[in-house]
N, C-alpha and C. Protein backbone atom coordinates (compact mmCIF):
# COMPACT_ATOMS: atom_id res chain seq x y z
N MET A 1 197.48 95.45 44.25
CA MET A 1 197.18 95.26 45.25
C MET A 1 197.82 93.70 45.74
N ASP A 2 198.35 93.97 47.06
CA ASP A 2 199.38 92.71 47.26
C ASP A 2 198.36 91.72 48.23
N HIS A 3 198.24 90.70 47.99
CA HIS A 3 197.44 89.45 48.67
C HIS A 3 198.38 88.46 49.37
N LEU A 4 199.02 89.05 50.46
CA LEU A 4 199.63 88.27 51.48
C LEU A 4 198.73 87.75 52.44
N PRO A 5 199.15 86.55 52.88
CA PRO A 5 198.35 86.28 54.14
C PRO A 5 198.19 86.94 55.25
N ARG A 6 197.26 87.00 56.13
CA ARG A 6 197.20 87.75 57.07
C ARG A 6 198.16 86.95 58.25
N ARG A 7 198.82 88.02 58.96
CA ARG A 7 199.60 87.34 60.18
C ARG A 7 198.68 87.13 61.18
N ARG A 8 199.04 86.04 61.88
CA ARG A 8 198.13 86.01 63.20
C ARG A 8 198.62 86.61 64.46
N ASP A 9 198.02 87.54 65.19
CA ASP A 9 198.40 88.10 66.32
C ASP A 9 199.15 87.04 67.50
N SER A 10 200.23 86.81 67.98
CA SER A 10 200.40 85.85 68.94
C SER A 10 199.74 86.02 70.04
N ALA A 11 199.15 87.26 70.49
CA ALA A 11 198.31 87.79 71.66
C ALA A 11 197.01 87.08 71.33
N ALA A 12 196.38 87.14 70.32
CA ALA A 12 195.26 87.05 69.68
C ALA A 12 194.68 85.55 70.13
N ALA A 13 195.58 84.59 70.10
CA ALA A 13 195.29 83.12 70.21
C ALA A 13 195.06 82.70 71.63
N PRO A 14 196.32 83.07 72.56
CA PRO A 14 195.81 82.89 73.76
C PRO A 14 194.82 83.57 74.42
N ASP A 15 194.24 84.60 74.08
CA ASP A 15 192.71 85.56 74.54
C ASP A 15 191.63 84.60 73.84
N ALA A 16 191.65 84.13 72.53
CA ALA A 16 190.71 83.26 72.11
C ALA A 16 190.52 82.10 73.06
N ARG A 17 191.39 81.27 73.32
CA ARG A 17 191.51 80.32 74.28
C ARG A 17 190.82 80.52 75.71
N ARG A 18 190.91 81.84 76.15
CA ARG A 18 190.63 82.33 77.52
C ARG A 18 188.93 82.55 77.24
N ILE A 19 188.98 83.09 75.85
CA ILE A 19 187.12 83.16 76.13
C ILE A 19 186.37 82.04 76.08
N ARG A 20 186.99 80.82 75.24
CA ARG A 20 186.50 79.57 74.96
C ARG A 20 186.40 78.80 76.17
N LEU A 21 187.41 79.06 76.91
CA LEU A 21 187.30 78.37 78.35
C LEU A 21 186.74 78.70 79.31
N THR A 22 186.40 80.50 78.87
CA THR A 22 185.16 81.00 79.94
C THR A 22 183.81 80.48 79.45
N ALA A 23 183.70 80.53 78.25
CA ALA A 23 182.29 80.25 77.51
C ALA A 23 182.02 78.62 77.94
N ALA A 24 182.95 77.54 77.68
CA ALA A 24 182.79 76.36 78.20
C ALA A 24 182.48 76.39 79.64
N ALA A 25 183.11 76.96 80.62
CA ALA A 25 182.78 76.91 81.92
C ALA A 25 181.36 77.58 82.18
N ALA A 26 181.05 78.40 81.60
CA ALA A 26 179.61 79.16 81.44
C ALA A 26 178.41 78.06 81.34
N ALA A 27 178.97 77.37 79.88
CA ALA A 27 177.72 76.34 79.45
C ALA A 27 177.67 75.31 80.52
N ALA A 28 178.91 74.83 81.14
CA ALA A 28 178.64 73.70 82.29
C ALA A 28 177.99 74.25 83.44
N VAL A 29 178.08 75.54 83.81
CA VAL A 29 177.19 76.30 84.90
C VAL A 29 175.98 76.58 84.49
N THR A 30 175.82 76.51 83.38
CA THR A 30 174.22 76.72 82.67
C THR A 30 173.61 75.44 82.80
N VAL A 31 174.04 74.50 82.50
CA VAL A 31 173.42 73.03 82.44
C VAL A 31 173.17 72.88 83.67
N GLY A 32 174.45 72.94 84.75
CA GLY A 32 174.10 72.58 86.09
C GLY A 32 172.85 73.37 86.86
N SER A 33 172.93 74.75 86.22
CA SER A 33 171.76 75.48 86.87
C SER A 33 170.58 75.04 86.38
N GLY A 34 170.16 74.71 85.22
CA GLY A 34 168.96 74.06 84.57
C GLY A 34 168.44 72.86 85.43
N LEU A 35 169.55 71.98 85.64
CA LEU A 35 169.29 70.73 86.49
C LEU A 35 168.66 70.89 87.60
N GLY A 36 169.41 71.99 88.58
CA GLY A 36 169.06 72.26 89.67
C GLY A 36 167.93 73.06 89.97
N LEU A 37 167.46 73.84 88.94
CA LEU A 37 166.60 74.37 89.01
C LEU A 37 165.13 73.39 88.97
N ARG A 38 165.44 72.19 88.12
CA ARG A 38 164.41 71.15 87.83
C ARG A 38 164.15 70.78 89.26
N ALA A 39 165.43 70.38 89.77
CA ALA A 39 165.52 69.67 91.24
C ALA A 39 164.65 70.35 92.19
N VAL A 40 164.62 71.59 92.16
CA VAL A 40 164.12 72.37 93.41
C VAL A 40 162.68 73.03 93.04
N ALA A 41 162.45 73.47 91.84
CA ALA A 41 161.30 74.11 91.57
C ALA A 41 160.34 73.19 90.53
N SER A 42 159.28 73.65 90.48
CA SER A 42 158.12 72.68 89.42
C SER A 42 157.32 73.77 88.52
N GLY A 43 156.39 73.24 87.93
CA GLY A 43 155.40 74.09 87.24
C GLY A 43 155.93 75.09 86.39
N SER A 44 155.26 76.49 86.27
CA SER A 44 155.83 77.31 85.58
C SER A 44 157.41 78.03 85.49
N THR A 45 157.78 77.96 87.28
CA THR A 45 158.83 78.30 87.66
C THR A 45 160.21 77.31 86.83
N ALA A 46 159.81 76.32 86.83
CA ALA A 46 160.76 75.56 86.29
C ALA A 46 160.82 75.51 84.62
N LYS A 47 159.51 75.60 84.00
CA LYS A 47 159.64 75.70 82.72
C LYS A 47 160.03 76.74 82.16
N TYR A 48 159.65 77.87 82.78
CA TYR A 48 159.97 79.15 81.98
C TYR A 48 161.48 79.72 82.31
N GLY A 49 161.88 79.32 83.71
CA GLY A 49 163.14 79.25 83.71
C GLY A 49 164.20 78.47 83.06
N GLY A 50 163.87 77.18 82.77
CA GLY A 50 164.31 76.17 81.84
C GLY A 50 164.49 77.14 80.33
N ASP A 51 163.45 77.75 79.95
CA ASP A 51 163.35 78.49 78.90
C ASP A 51 164.47 79.37 78.47
N ALA A 52 164.54 80.36 79.57
CA ALA A 52 165.67 81.19 79.65
C ALA A 52 166.83 80.50 79.81
N LEU A 53 167.33 79.44 80.46
CA LEU A 53 168.58 79.03 80.41
C LEU A 53 169.10 78.19 79.44
N TYR A 54 167.89 77.80 78.73
CA TYR A 54 168.27 77.07 77.31
C TYR A 54 168.97 78.46 76.41
N THR A 55 168.27 79.62 76.15
CA THR A 55 168.99 80.61 75.30
C THR A 55 170.35 81.01 76.00
N VAL A 56 170.51 81.24 77.32
CA VAL A 56 171.84 81.20 77.96
C VAL A 56 172.85 80.19 77.43
N LEU A 57 172.47 79.08 77.09
CA LEU A 57 173.29 77.76 77.26
C LEU A 57 173.58 78.31 75.53
N LEU A 58 172.62 78.49 74.78
CA LEU A 58 172.97 78.68 73.35
C LEU A 58 173.90 79.94 73.25
N LEU A 59 173.52 80.79 74.09
CA LEU A 59 174.92 82.00 73.93
C LEU A 59 175.96 81.61 74.08
N THR A 60 176.33 80.85 75.16
CA THR A 60 177.65 80.24 75.76
C THR A 60 178.16 79.53 74.42
N LEU A 61 177.16 78.74 73.89
CA LEU A 61 177.81 77.85 72.77
C LEU A 61 178.28 78.84 71.57
N VAL A 62 177.70 79.62 71.26
CA VAL A 62 177.82 80.83 70.09
C VAL A 62 179.21 81.33 70.44
N VAL A 63 179.25 81.73 71.94
CA VAL A 63 180.66 82.34 72.18
C VAL A 63 181.73 81.27 72.03
N LEU A 64 181.53 80.11 72.39
CA LEU A 64 182.34 79.22 72.31
C LEU A 64 183.03 78.75 70.89
N VAL A 65 182.03 78.91 69.79
CA VAL A 65 182.39 78.68 68.56
C VAL A 65 183.15 80.17 67.69
N ALA A 66 182.34 81.15 68.12
CA ALA A 66 182.72 82.25 67.77
C ALA A 66 183.06 83.41 68.85
N PRO A 67 184.41 83.25 69.38
CA PRO A 67 184.71 83.90 70.76
C PRO A 67 184.81 85.43 70.35
N ARG A 68 185.06 85.93 69.18
CA ARG A 68 185.05 87.46 68.92
C ARG A 68 183.70 88.33 68.73
N LEU A 69 182.78 87.45 68.54
CA LEU A 69 181.26 88.12 68.46
C LEU A 69 181.18 89.18 69.64
N THR A 70 180.58 90.30 69.46
CA THR A 70 180.09 91.17 70.38
C THR A 70 179.08 90.55 71.32
N PRO A 71 178.84 90.73 72.56
CA PRO A 71 177.84 90.42 73.27
C PRO A 71 176.44 90.64 72.62
N VAL A 72 176.27 91.71 72.07
CA VAL A 72 174.92 91.87 71.34
C VAL A 72 174.75 90.78 70.01
N ARG A 73 175.91 90.88 69.40
CA ARG A 73 175.75 89.67 67.89
C ARG A 73 175.52 88.24 68.63
N ALA A 74 176.33 87.82 69.88
CA ALA A 74 176.42 86.58 70.59
C ALA A 74 174.82 86.18 70.96
N ALA A 75 174.28 87.25 71.69
CA ALA A 75 172.79 87.01 72.29
C ALA A 75 171.99 87.23 70.88
N ALA A 76 171.79 87.94 70.24
CA ALA A 76 171.02 87.73 68.93
C ALA A 76 171.02 86.41 68.20
N ALA A 77 172.20 86.10 67.98
CA ALA A 77 172.12 84.65 67.29
C ALA A 77 171.64 83.65 68.24
N ALA A 78 171.84 83.58 69.46
CA ALA A 78 171.43 82.62 70.68
C ALA A 78 169.67 82.88 70.40
N LEU A 79 169.09 84.11 70.63
CA LEU A 79 167.63 84.39 70.56
C LEU A 79 167.12 83.83 69.20
N ALA A 80 167.84 84.14 67.87
CA ALA A 80 167.25 83.44 66.63
C ALA A 80 167.16 82.12 66.74
N ALA A 81 168.43 81.45 67.20
CA ALA A 81 168.37 80.02 67.27
C ALA A 81 166.88 79.51 68.11
N SER A 82 167.17 80.06 69.15
CA SER A 82 166.00 79.93 70.34
C SER A 82 164.40 79.86 69.55
N TRP A 83 164.45 81.17 68.95
CA TRP A 83 162.87 81.23 68.29
C TRP A 83 162.83 80.20 67.15
N ALA A 84 163.76 80.07 66.44
CA ALA A 84 163.68 79.08 65.25
C ALA A 84 163.19 77.99 65.65
N VAL A 85 163.78 77.43 66.61
CA VAL A 85 163.43 76.20 67.37
C VAL A 85 162.10 76.08 67.83
N GLU A 86 161.74 77.26 68.57
CA GLU A 86 160.24 77.26 68.79
C GLU A 86 159.35 77.45 67.64
N LEU A 87 159.61 78.20 66.60
CA LEU A 87 158.58 78.00 65.58
C LEU A 87 158.83 76.91 65.01
N LEU A 88 159.76 76.05 64.71
CA LEU A 88 159.92 74.88 64.27
C LEU A 88 158.99 73.99 64.57
N GLN A 89 158.59 74.20 65.95
CA GLN A 89 157.45 73.21 66.66
C GLN A 89 156.23 73.34 65.95
N LEU A 90 155.92 74.34 65.22
CA LEU A 90 154.84 74.45 64.78
C LEU A 90 154.28 73.34 63.44
N THR A 91 155.58 72.71 63.17
CA THR A 91 155.74 71.94 61.88
C THR A 91 155.18 70.47 62.25
N GLY A 92 155.46 70.15 63.89
CA GLY A 92 155.12 68.71 64.18
C GLY A 92 156.59 67.93 63.93
N VAL A 93 157.58 68.37 63.44
CA VAL A 93 158.69 67.50 63.13
C VAL A 93 159.49 67.53 64.42
N PRO A 94 159.43 68.20 65.27
CA PRO A 94 160.32 68.01 66.61
C PRO A 94 159.47 67.05 67.63
N ALA A 95 158.20 67.05 67.51
CA ALA A 95 157.42 66.29 68.18
C ALA A 95 157.65 64.82 67.80
N GLU A 96 157.43 64.52 66.21
CA GLU A 96 158.04 63.25 65.92
C GLU A 96 159.60 62.89 66.18
N LEU A 97 160.32 63.71 66.19
CA LEU A 97 161.77 63.31 66.40
C LEU A 97 161.71 62.98 68.35
N SER A 98 161.16 63.65 68.79
CA SER A 98 161.07 63.73 70.39
C SER A 98 160.42 62.49 70.90
N ARG A 99 159.62 62.02 69.97
CA ARG A 99 159.03 60.39 70.30
C ARG A 99 160.00 59.42 70.10
N HIS A 100 161.09 59.73 69.50
CA HIS A 100 162.16 58.75 69.40
C HIS A 100 163.61 58.80 70.17
N SER A 101 163.75 60.09 70.66
CA SER A 101 164.88 60.30 71.06
C SER A 101 164.91 61.35 72.25
N THR A 102 165.37 60.92 73.40
CA THR A 102 165.45 62.03 74.43
C THR A 102 165.99 63.19 74.11
N LEU A 103 167.31 63.09 73.40
CA LEU A 103 168.14 64.24 73.34
C LEU A 103 167.22 65.01 72.17
N ALA A 104 166.44 64.70 71.01
CA ALA A 104 165.90 65.40 70.23
C ALA A 104 164.67 66.34 71.30
N ARG A 105 164.46 65.72 72.04
CA ARG A 105 163.24 66.18 72.83
C ARG A 105 163.70 67.33 73.69
N LEU A 106 164.97 66.98 74.45
CA LEU A 106 165.70 67.94 75.31
C LEU A 106 166.39 69.33 74.55
N VAL A 107 166.66 68.97 73.14
CA VAL A 107 167.05 70.13 72.28
C VAL A 107 165.96 70.56 71.54
N LEU A 108 164.96 70.09 70.92
CA LEU A 108 163.95 70.82 70.11
C LEU A 108 162.70 70.73 70.86
N GLY A 109 162.33 70.17 71.73
CA GLY A 109 161.10 70.16 72.67
C GLY A 109 160.21 69.59 71.60
N SER A 110 158.86 69.58 71.99
CA SER A 110 157.89 69.15 71.27
C SER A 110 156.58 69.85 70.61
N THR A 111 156.16 71.04 71.69
CA THR A 111 154.86 71.57 71.35
C THR A 111 155.18 73.06 71.61
N PHE A 112 154.75 73.67 70.53
CA PHE A 112 154.87 75.02 70.47
C PHE A 112 154.08 75.80 71.66
N ASN A 113 154.68 76.74 72.38
CA ASN A 113 154.04 77.35 73.23
C ASN A 113 154.70 78.88 73.45
N ALA A 114 153.62 79.75 73.09
CA ALA A 114 154.05 81.29 72.63
C ALA A 114 154.59 81.97 73.75
N PRO A 115 154.48 81.66 74.84
CA PRO A 115 154.98 82.59 75.94
C PRO A 115 156.59 82.16 76.08
N ASP A 116 157.08 81.02 75.72
CA ASP A 116 158.33 80.35 75.23
C ASP A 116 159.19 81.52 74.70
N LEU A 117 158.63 82.25 73.77
CA LEU A 117 159.34 83.30 72.90
C LEU A 117 159.71 84.43 73.92
N PHE A 118 159.06 84.96 74.59
CA PHE A 118 159.38 85.65 75.75
C PHE A 118 160.30 85.39 76.48
N TRP A 119 160.39 84.10 77.36
CA TRP A 119 161.18 83.79 78.23
C TRP A 119 162.53 83.50 77.55
N TYR A 120 162.63 82.95 76.04
CA TYR A 120 163.84 83.10 75.62
C TYR A 120 164.64 84.38 75.37
N ALA A 121 163.85 85.69 75.22
CA ALA A 121 164.30 86.98 75.05
C ALA A 121 164.66 87.26 76.35
N ALA A 122 164.10 86.96 77.55
CA ALA A 122 164.71 87.19 78.80
C ALA A 122 165.91 86.54 79.18
N GLY A 123 166.33 85.29 78.56
CA GLY A 123 167.52 84.49 78.75
C GLY A 123 168.54 85.36 77.76
N ALA A 124 168.22 85.73 76.82
CA ALA A 124 168.94 86.34 75.93
C ALA A 124 169.49 87.70 76.48
N ALA A 125 168.83 88.43 77.07
CA ALA A 125 169.04 89.90 77.83
C ALA A 125 170.05 89.50 79.04
N ALA A 126 169.50 88.28 79.61
CA ALA A 126 170.32 87.98 80.97
C ALA A 126 171.71 87.56 80.24
N GLY A 127 171.75 86.77 79.56
CA GLY A 127 173.21 86.29 78.95
C GLY A 127 174.03 87.54 78.34
N LEU A 128 173.30 88.52 77.87
CA LEU A 128 173.76 89.60 76.97
C LEU A 128 174.40 90.41 78.25
N LEU A 129 173.96 90.43 79.29
CA LEU A 129 174.29 91.56 80.28
C LEU A 129 175.47 90.87 81.03
N LEU A 130 175.28 89.34 80.89
CA LEU A 130 176.76 88.66 81.74
C LEU A 130 177.57 88.91 80.91
N HIS A 131 177.56 88.26 79.37
CA HIS A 131 178.81 88.60 78.80
C HIS A 131 179.47 90.14 78.65
N ALA A 132 178.54 91.09 78.53
CA ALA A 132 178.95 92.32 78.64
C ALA A 132 179.90 92.55 79.66
N ALA A 133 179.38 91.82 80.98
CA ALA A 133 179.95 92.34 82.20
C ALA A 133 181.34 91.73 81.94
N LEU A 134 181.37 90.62 81.89
CA LEU A 134 182.51 89.62 81.42
C LEU A 134 183.73 90.33 80.68
N ARG A 135 183.33 90.82 79.59
CA ARG A 135 183.90 91.76 78.63
C ARG A 135 184.62 92.77 79.14
N ALA A 136 183.83 93.60 80.00
CA ALA A 136 184.16 94.65 80.78
C ALA A 136 185.41 94.47 81.59
N SER A 137 185.10 93.59 82.27
CA SER A 137 185.92 92.96 83.44
C SER A 137 187.14 92.41 82.87
N GLY A 138 187.33 92.25 81.42
CA GLY A 138 188.72 91.74 80.90
C GLY A 138 188.64 90.23 80.95
N THR A 139 187.42 89.62 81.29
CA THR A 139 187.57 88.22 81.34
C THR A 139 187.48 87.53 80.20
N ALA A 140 186.63 88.06 79.29
CA ALA A 140 186.44 87.71 77.88
C ALA A 140 186.45 88.82 76.92
N ASN A 141 187.56 89.68 77.10
CA ASN A 141 187.42 90.98 76.33
C ASN A 141 188.50 90.66 75.25
N PRO A 142 188.22 90.48 74.05
CA PRO A 142 189.44 90.46 72.95
C PRO A 142 189.95 91.67 72.67
N PRO A 143 191.43 91.63 72.45
CA PRO A 143 192.18 92.96 72.13
C PRO A 143 191.71 93.37 70.92
N THR A 144 191.85 94.66 70.89
CA THR A 144 191.85 95.39 69.58
C THR A 144 193.20 95.23 68.81
N VAL A 145 193.32 94.67 67.67
CA VAL A 145 194.46 94.47 67.06
C VAL A 145 194.41 95.16 65.81
N ALA A 146 195.63 96.03 65.68
CA ALA A 146 195.91 96.95 64.14
C ALA A 146 195.99 95.84 63.25
N PRO A 147 195.28 96.40 61.88
CA PRO A 147 195.90 95.67 61.09
C PRO A 147 197.34 95.81 60.55
N ALA A 148 197.82 94.61 59.96
CA ALA A 148 199.31 94.49 59.88
C ALA A 148 199.48 95.58 58.47
N PRO A 149 200.67 96.20 58.95
CA PRO A 149 201.11 97.15 57.73
C PRO A 149 201.11 96.55 56.19
N ARG A 150 201.13 97.17 55.20
CA ARG A 150 201.15 96.76 53.92
C ARG A 150 202.57 96.77 53.38
């Protein structure tokens, strides 16, 4: 069995860059949307909308790091991370960190709230649909590359 290094497809590198640029732009739009939501809404609309956008942001960051993931896998990773952070709040660690850091409060929250789990799933579903639509339109669609001949 021959162990040659894989050849890098020259078309794959620009495509990955395009996917990452799209994901970075989507992350910026998501952060802006969250800030805008907080500016115009309050109460449960702002809270639960923010929860959904939190997962959408995580999905964009997953795609930024791993641009070749399918929309389903990217959404599942973002949802798993969101749920993990929420469940971590049951330990009190995020609450303690949040007392000392605004960044920790923004990223980890402080108090477990069961309805958040649903809104994270709603955000993952919305992000999944958007990611799938972008891939279908070719905006974020990696090419299928045949394996190099041996």
